Amino acid sequence: MVITYVLLFFGATVLTMALTPLIRRWAMAAGAVDAPCARKVHSAPMPRWGGVAIGIAFVCTLAVGLLTIEGYRWNVVLGIVLGAVLMAIVGAIDDRYDLAPRWKLLGQTAAAAIVVACGVKVEWINLPFGYDATLSWLSIPVTIAWIVLVT
């Protein structure tokens, strides 16, 4: 089983590397670039849509994993995929149009809420010295906050 996960990891890595040049050209053509200025290190426009290549590779690898590994809870997988797709869309729109922070936060929170609605929650936390804290009703806001903060 571990070899399956290792192969999926390397498959996602190879697919991301293969997609990156294509997405780079697409980003340049669409104007999703970071323009050079006095505060930037680069002297030429740099494409921003690297997350799109990673997102596509993630979804494709997840699909292959679902076909080869048994025991997935489909509602959880669906929630993660839908949340990841929405997160990638928000990121791509931000890269192209420089979203105001409140709209970006709203999109990220919506993506996290989709994940939680499909059954993914942080229900307890390990504390130092062998203690655990059960979150009960706090599991929903903690999970949403964790996803948004990690993003």
C-alpha atoms as a PDB file:
ATOM      1  CA  MET A   1       0.000   0.000   0.000  1.00  0.00           C
ATOM      2  CA  VAL A   2       2.853   2.405   0.768  1.00  0.00           C
ATOM      3  CA  ILE A   3       4.267   1.859  -2.714  1.00  0.00           C
ATOM      4  CA  THR A   4       0.922   2.972  -4.157  1.00  0.00           C
ATOM      5  CA  TYR A   5       1.143   6.276  -2.270  1.00  0.00           C
ATOM      6  CA  VAL A   6       4.757   6.762  -3.344  1.00  0.00           C
ATOM      7  CA  LEU A   7       3.815   6.131  -6.981  1.00  0.00           C
ATOM      8  CA  LEU A   8       0.886   8.554  -6.718  1.00  0.00           C
ATOM      9  CA  PHE A   9       3.195  11.189  -5.226  1.00  0.00           C
ATOM     10  CA  PHE A  10       5.722  10.830  -8.028  1.00  0.00           C
ATOM     11  CA  GLY A  11       2.928  10.755 -10.595  1.00  0.00           C
ATOM     12  CA  ALA A  12       1.583  14.057  -9.260  1.00  0.00           C
ATOM     13  CA  THR A  13       5.087  15.522  -9.303  1.00  0.00           C
ATOM     14  CA  VAL A  14       5.726  14.483 -12.909  1.00  0.00           C
ATOM     15  CA  LEU A  15       2.304  15.697 -14.027  1.00  0.00           C
ATOM     16  CA  THR A  16       2.849  19.062 -12.320  1.00  0.00           C
ATOM     17  CA  MET A  17       6.239  19.425 -14.022  1.00  0.00           C
ATOM     18  CA  ALA A  18       4.709  18.544 -17.390  1.00  0.00           C
ATOM     19  CA  LEU A  19       1.796  20.972 -16.991  1.00  0.00           C
ATOM     20  CA  THR A  20       3.837  23.916 -15.683  1.00  0.00           C
ATOM     21  CA  PRO A  21       5.251  25.052 -19.067  1.00  0.00           C
ATOM     22  CA  LEU A  22       1.777  24.867 -20.636  1.00  0.00           C
ATOM     23  CA  ILE A  23       0.156  26.809 -17.799  1.00  0.00           C
ATOM     24  CA  ARG A  24       3.042  29.297 -17.899  1.00  0.00           C
ATOM     25  CA  ARG A  25       2.326  30.092 -21.553  1.00  0.00           C
ATOM     26  CA  TRP A  26      -1.391  30.302 -20.831  1.00  0.00           C
ATOM     27  CA  ALA A  27      -0.798  32.714 -17.921  1.00  0.00           C
ATOM     28  CA  MET A  28       1.449  34.919 -20.046  1.00  0.00           C
ATOM     29  CA  ALA A  29      -1.161  35.055 -22.829  1.00  0.00           C
ATOM     30  CA  ALA A  30      -3.967  35.824 -20.343  1.00  0.00           C
ATOM     31  CA  GLY A  31      -1.984  38.555 -18.583  1.00  0.00           C
ATOM     32  CA  ALA A  32      -1.805  36.715 -15.251  1.00  0.00           C
ATOM     33  CA  VAL A  33       1.708  37.974 -14.566  1.00  0.00           C
ATOM     34  CA  ASP A  34       3.627  39.685 -11.821  1.00  0.00           C
ATOM     35  CA  ALA A  35       5.055  42.813 -13.429  1.00  0.00           C
ATOM     36  CA  PRO A  36       8.525  43.972 -12.403  1.00  0.00           C
ATOM     37  CA  CYS A  37       8.848  47.111 -10.300  1.00  0.00           C
ATOM     38  CA  ALA A  38      11.341  48.689  -7.914  1.00  0.00           C
ATOM     39  CA  ARG A  39      10.359  46.282  -5.103  1.00  0.00           C
ATOM     40  CA  LYS A  40      10.617  43.104  -7.209  1.00  0.00           C
ATOM     41  CA  VAL A  41      13.725  41.050  -7.859  1.00  0.00           C
ATOM     42  CA  HIS A  42      12.749  39.957 -11.365  1.00  0.00           C
ATOM     43  CA  SER A  43      13.269  42.174 -14.411  1.00  0.00           C
ATOM     44  CA  ALA A  44      10.700  40.530 -16.720  1.00  0.00           C
ATOM     45  CA  PRO A  45       7.026  39.676 -16.182  1.00  0.00           C
ATOM     46  CA  MET A  46       6.636  36.387 -14.274  1.00  0.00           C
ATOM     47  CA  PRO A  47       3.590  34.131 -14.740  1.00  0.00           C
ATOM     48  CA  ARG A  48       1.481  33.555 -11.643  1.00  0.00           C
ATOM     49  CA  TRP A  49      -0.735  30.520 -12.324  1.00  0.00           C
ATOM     50  CA  GLY A  50       1.554  27.821 -10.918  1.00  0.00           C
ATOM     51  CA  GLY A  51      -1.239  26.770  -8.553  1.00  0.00           C
ATOM     52  CA  VAL A  52      -3.385  25.807 -11.532  1.00  0.00           C
ATOM     53  CA  ALA A  53      -0.837  23.179 -12.613  1.00  0.00           C
ATOM     54  CA  ILE A  54      -0.630  21.864  -9.055  1.00  0.00           C
ATOM     55  CA  GLY A  55      -4.448  21.785  -8.756  1.00  0.00           C
ATOM     56  CA  ILE A  56      -4.910  19.869 -12.001  1.00  0.00           C
ATOM     57  CA  ALA A  57      -2.216  17.362 -11.002  1.00  0.00           C
ATOM     58  CA  PHE A  58      -3.838  16.961  -7.560  1.00  0.00           C
ATOM     59  CA  VAL A  59      -7.292  16.217  -8.971  1.00  0.00           C
ATOM     60  CA  CYS A  60      -5.920  13.821 -11.617  1.00  0.00           C
ATOM     61  CA  THR A  61      -3.788  11.984  -9.063  1.00  0.00           C
ATOM     62  CA  LEU A  62      -6.696  11.785  -6.665  1.00  0.00           C
ATOM     63  CA  ALA A  63      -8.842  10.251  -9.421  1.00  0.00           C
ATOM     64  CA  VAL A  64      -6.190   7.604 -10.096  1.00  0.00           C
ATOM     65  CA  GLY A  65      -5.887   6.969  -6.357  1.00  0.00           C
ATOM     66  CA  LEU A  66      -9.622   6.447  -6.065  1.00  0.00           C
ATOM     67  CA  LEU A  67      -9.441   3.802  -8.764  1.00  0.00           C
ATOM     68  CA  THR A  68      -6.554   1.945  -7.102  1.00  0.00           C
ATOM     69  CA  ILE A  69      -7.093   2.336  -3.340  1.00  0.00           C
ATOM     70  CA  GLU A  70     -10.171   1.038  -1.580  1.00  0.00           C
ATOM     71  CA  GLY A  71     -11.737   2.416   1.563  1.00  0.00           C
ATOM     72  CA  TYR A  72     -12.287   6.059   0.669  1.00  0.00           C
ATOM     73  CA  ARG A  73     -15.287   7.855   2.099  1.00  0.00           C
ATOM     74  CA  TRP A  74     -16.733   9.436  -1.053  1.00  0.00           C
ATOM     75  CA  ASN A  75     -18.302  12.413   0.703  1.00  0.00           C
ATOM     76  CA  VAL A  76     -14.903  13.342   2.153  1.00  0.00           C
ATOM     77  CA  VAL A  77     -13.154  12.964  -1.195  1.00  0.00           C
ATOM     78  CA  LEU A  78     -15.849  15.025  -2.937  1.00  0.00           C
ATOM     79  CA  GLY A  79     -15.540  17.759  -0.308  1.00  0.00           C
ATOM     80  CA  ILE A  80     -11.774  17.923  -0.626  1.00  0.00           C
ATOM     81  CA  VAL A  81     -11.927  18.018  -4.432  1.00  0.00           C
ATOM     82  CA  LEU A  82     -14.659  20.679  -4.548  1.00  0.00           C
ATOM     83  CA  GLY A  83     -12.876  22.761  -1.923  1.00  0.00           C
ATOM     84  CA  ALA A  84      -9.557  22.458  -3.750  1.00  0.00           C
ATOM     85  CA  VAL A  85     -11.129  23.401  -7.088  1.00  0.00           C
ATOM     86  CA  LEU A  86     -12.805  26.469  -5.588  1.00  0.00           C
ATOM     87  CA  MET A  87      -9.567  27.428  -3.816  1.00  0.00           C
ATOM     88  CA  ALA A  88      -7.655  27.137  -7.121  1.00  0.00           C
ATOM     89  CA  ILE A  89     -10.278  29.228  -8.936  1.00  0.00           C
ATOM     90  CA  VAL A  90     -10.096  31.948  -6.281  1.00  0.00           C
ATOM     91  CA  GLY A  91      -6.294  31.907  -6.501  1.00  0.00           C
ATOM     92  CA  ALA A  92      -6.304  32.093 -10.303  1.00  0.00           C
ATOM     93  CA  ILE A  93      -8.786  34.982 -10.298  1.00  0.00           C
ATOM     94  CA  ASP A  94      -6.676  36.762  -7.683  1.00  0.00           C
ATOM     95  CA  ASP A  95      -3.532  36.210  -9.753  1.00  0.00           C
ATOM     96  CA  ARG A  96      -5.205  37.737 -12.797  1.00  0.00           C
ATOM     97  CA  TYR A  97      -7.315  40.538 -11.314  1.00  0.00           C
ATOM     98  CA  ASP A  98      -5.759  41.219  -7.865  1.00  0.00           C
ATOM     99  CA  LEU A  99      -8.859  40.582  -5.777  1.00  0.00           C
ATOM    100  CA  ALA A 100      -9.519  42.758  -2.753  1.00  0.00           C
ATOM    101  CA  PRO A 101      -8.545  40.871   0.418  1.00  0.00           C
ATOM    102  CA  ARG A 102     -12.162  40.580   1.619  1.00  0.00           C
ATOM    103  CA  TRP A 103     -13.247  38.813  -1.607  1.00  0.00           C
ATOM    104  CA  LYS A 104     -10.281  36.496  -1.509  1.00  0.00           C
ATOM    105  CA  LEU A 105     -11.024  35.660   2.147  1.00  0.00           C
ATOM    106  CA  LEU A 106     -14.693  35.099   1.295  1.00  0.00           C
ATOM    107  CA  GLY A 107     -13.778  32.647  -1.502  1.00  0.00           C
ATOM    108  CA  GLN A 108     -11.303  30.797   0.705  1.00  0.00           C
ATOM    109  CA  THR A 109     -13.829  30.589   3.535  1.00  0.00           C
ATOM    110  CA  ALA A 110     -16.466  29.243   1.126  1.00  0.00           C
ATOM    111  CA  ALA A 111     -14.027  26.574  -0.064  1.00  0.00           C
ATOM    112  CA  ALA A 112     -13.241  25.599   3.536  1.00  0.00           C
ATOM    113  CA  ALA A 113     -16.972  25.498   4.360  1.00  0.00           C
ATOM    114  CA  ILE A 114     -17.544  23.075   1.463  1.00  0.00           C
ATOM    115  CA  VAL A 115     -14.863  20.777   2.866  1.00  0.00           C
ATOM    116  CA  VAL A 116     -16.431  20.897   6.331  1.00  0.00           C
ATOM    117  CA  ALA A 117     -19.964  20.390   4.960  1.00  0.00           C
ATOM    118  CA  CYS A 118     -18.763  17.162   3.343  1.00  0.00           C
ATOM    119  CA  GLY A 119     -17.568  15.744   6.660  1.00  0.00           C
ATOM    120  CA  VAL A 120     -13.945  16.827   7.108  1.00  0.00           C
ATOM    121  CA  LYS A 121     -13.423  18.231  10.615  1.00  0.00           C
ATOM    122  CA  VAL A 122     -10.668  18.603  13.175  1.00  0.00           C
ATOM    123  CA  GLU A 123     -12.454  16.930  16.079  1.00  0.00           C
ATOM    124  CA  TRP A 124      -9.651  16.800  18.642  1.00  0.00           C
ATOM    125  CA  ILE A 125      -6.177  18.207  19.195  1.00  0.00           C
ATOM    126  CA  ASN A 126      -3.187  16.533  20.824  1.00  0.00           C
ATOM    127  CA  LEU A 127      -1.855  18.626  23.677  1.00  0.00           C
ATOM    128  CA  PRO A 128       1.545  18.336  25.348  1.00  0.00           C
ATOM    129  CA  PHE A 129       2.196  15.707  28.015  1.00  0.00           C
ATOM    130  CA  GLY A 130      -0.230  13.149  26.583  1.00  0.00           C
ATOM    131  CA  TYR A 131      -3.477  15.106  26.836  1.00  0.00           C
ATOM    132  CA  ASP A 132      -6.136  15.491  24.154  1.00  0.00           C
ATOM    133  CA  ALA A 133      -8.737  18.233  23.744  1.00  0.00           C
ATOM    134  CA  THR A 134     -12.072  17.332  22.139  1.00  0.00           C
ATOM    135  CA  LEU A 135     -13.445  20.293  20.191  1.00  0.00           C
ATOM    136  CA  SER A 136     -17.141  19.239  19.902  1.00  0.00           C
ATOM    137  CA  TRP A 137     -19.028  22.200  18.355  1.00  0.00           C
ATOM    138  CA  LEU A 138     -15.783  24.177  17.941  1.00  0.00           C
ATOM    139  CA  SER A 139     -14.601  21.630  15.356  1.00  0.00           C
ATOM    140  CA  ILE A 140     -16.406  23.478  12.539  1.00  0.00           C
ATOM    141  CA  PRO A 141     -14.950  26.985  13.062  1.00  0.00           C
ATOM    142  CA  VAL A 142     -11.537  25.559  13.969  1.00  0.00           C
ATOM    143  CA  THR A 143     -11.429  23.486  10.765  1.00  0.00           C
ATOM    144  CA  ILE A 144     -12.537  26.402   8.583  1.00  0.00           C
ATOM    145  CA  ALA A 145     -10.010  28.719  10.244  1.00  0.00           C
ATOM    146  CA  TRP A 146      -7.231  26.136   9.890  1.00  0.00           C
ATOM    147  CA  ILE A 147      -7.893  25.630   6.157  1.00  0.00           C
ATOM    148  CA  VAL A 148      -8.050  29.383   5.486  1.00  0.00           C
ATOM    149  CA  LEU A 149      -4.955  30.131   7.583  1.00  0.00           C
ATOM    150  CA  VAL A 150      -2.931  27.369   5.913  1.00  0.00           C
ATOM    151  CA  THR A 151      -3.959  28.763   2.548  1.00  0.00           C
END
